[in-house]
Amino acid sequence: HLDIAAFAAFLNYESFDDDADAVEAFEDCYAGTWESLTEWAENFVEDAGMLSEMPENLRCYFDYAAFARDCDLNGDLWTADLESGDIAVFWRR
């Protein structure tokens, strides 16, 4: 399923000569549409099991907002504001 708004934002950022290459690159880079980068980080950390080794009573101290900010500042990802008010999150190629 191709998120049209996110795909349009992706095409505004990247350029391709071939539509198939654009779709493949989008599918490789697209990390979803979220209300905020912090929401993305919460989901990413959970899905990756990054805190599974941490005792349950300490997990609430993990700073998802700081993690998201660091991923953005380190150049690991980029975001696009969508008309819906959400953001599309993409891994850098």
Protein backbone atom coordinates (compact mmCIF):
# COMPACT_ATOMS: atom_id res chain seq x y z
CA HIS A 1 0.00 0.00 0.00
CA LEU A 2 1.50 3.28 -1.17
CA ASP A 3 0.82 6.37 0.98
CA ILE A 4 0.23 8.93 -1.78
CA ALA A 5 0.89 12.03 0.37
CA ALA A 6 4.13 10.57 1.72
CA PHE A 7 5.17 9.42 -1.76
CA ALA A 8 4.58 12.92 -3.14
CA ALA A 9 6.71 14.39 -0.34
CA PHE A 10 9.41 11.83 -1.12
CA LEU A 11 9.40 12.80 -4.80
CA ASN A 12 9.73 16.46 -3.83
CA TYR A 13 12.93 15.56 -1.95
CA GLU A 14 14.43 12.93 -4.27
CA SER A 15 14.50 12.75 -8.06
CA PHE A 16 14.32 9.65 -10.23
CA ASP A 17 14.39 8.90 -13.94
CA ASP A 18 12.33 5.76 -13.59
CA ASP A 19 9.00 5.34 -11.76
CA ALA A 20 9.87 1.81 -10.65
CA ASP A 21 13.12 3.06 -9.10
CA ALA A 22 11.17 5.79 -7.28
CA VAL A 23 8.67 3.31 -5.83
CA GLU A 24 11.42 0.90 -4.77
CA ALA A 25 13.45 3.69 -3.12
CA PHE A 26 10.32 4.98 -1.37
CA GLU A 27 9.53 1.52 0.00
CA ASP A 28 13.12 1.17 1.25
CA CYS A 29 13.20 4.60 2.93
CA TYR A 30 9.67 5.16 4.20
CA ALA A 31 9.36 4.70 7.96
CA GLY A 32 5.70 5.65 8.21
CA THR A 33 3.47 8.61 8.88
CA TRP A 34 3.26 9.79 12.46
CA GLU A 35 1.82 12.59 14.57
CA SER A 36 5.35 13.48 15.71
CA LEU A 37 8.93 12.31 15.50
CA THR A 38 8.65 11.25 19.15
CA GLU A 39 5.75 8.97 18.26
CA TRP A 40 7.91 7.44 15.51
CA ALA A 41 10.75 6.93 18.03
CA GLU A 42 8.47 5.19 20.53
CA ASN A 43 7.31 2.77 17.85
CA PHE A 44 10.81 2.22 16.44
CA VAL A 45 12.40 1.52 19.83
CA GLU A 46 9.58 -0.87 20.74
CA ASP A 47 9.65 -2.73 17.41
CA ALA A 48 13.45 -3.03 17.51
CA GLY A 49 13.38 -4.34 21.08
CA MET A 50 16.00 -1.78 22.05
CA LEU A 51 14.90 -1.69 25.67
CA SER A 52 14.31 -5.42 26.12
CA GLU A 53 17.50 -5.82 28.15
CA MET A 54 16.59 -2.90 30.42
CA PRO A 55 14.69 -3.69 33.64
CA GLU A 56 10.99 -2.91 33.29
CA ASN A 57 11.02 -0.35 36.13
CA LEU A 58 13.70 1.73 34.31
CA ARG A 59 12.16 1.79 30.83
CA CYS A 60 9.98 4.79 31.67
CA TYR A 61 13.14 6.89 31.96
CA PHE A 62 14.13 6.43 28.32
CA ASP A 63 13.92 9.78 26.53
CA TYR A 64 12.15 9.07 23.22
CA ALA A 65 12.11 12.74 22.22
CA ALA A 66 15.88 13.01 22.65
CA PHE A 67 16.40 9.78 20.72
CA ALA A 68 14.22 11.08 17.87
CA ARG A 69 16.04 14.43 17.86
CA ASP A 70 19.42 12.69 17.74
CA CYS A 71 18.34 10.49 14.80
CA ASP A 72 17.28 13.63 12.98
CA LEU A 73 20.38 15.67 13.86
CA ASN A 74 22.73 12.77 13.02
CA GLY A 75 21.24 12.65 9.54
CA ASP A 76 19.85 9.14 9.93
CA LEU A 77 16.44 10.26 8.74
CA TRP A 78 14.47 13.17 7.37
CA THR A 79 10.86 14.22 7.70
CA ALA A 80 8.25 15.91 5.56
CA ASP A 81 5.26 17.84 6.88
CA LEU A 82 2.02 16.60 5.35
CA GLU A 83 -1.20 18.56 4.81
CA SER A 84 -2.91 16.31 7.36
CA GLY A 85 -0.68 17.78 10.09
CA ASP A 86 1.25 14.52 10.42
CA ILE A 87 4.84 13.97 9.35
CA ALA A 88 6.23 11.36 6.99
CA VAL A 89 9.49 9.87 8.24
CA PHE A 90 12.15 8.57 5.86
CA TRP A 91 15.50 6.88 6.36
CA ARG A 92 18.26 8.55 4.40
CA ARG A 93 19.57 6.60 1.42
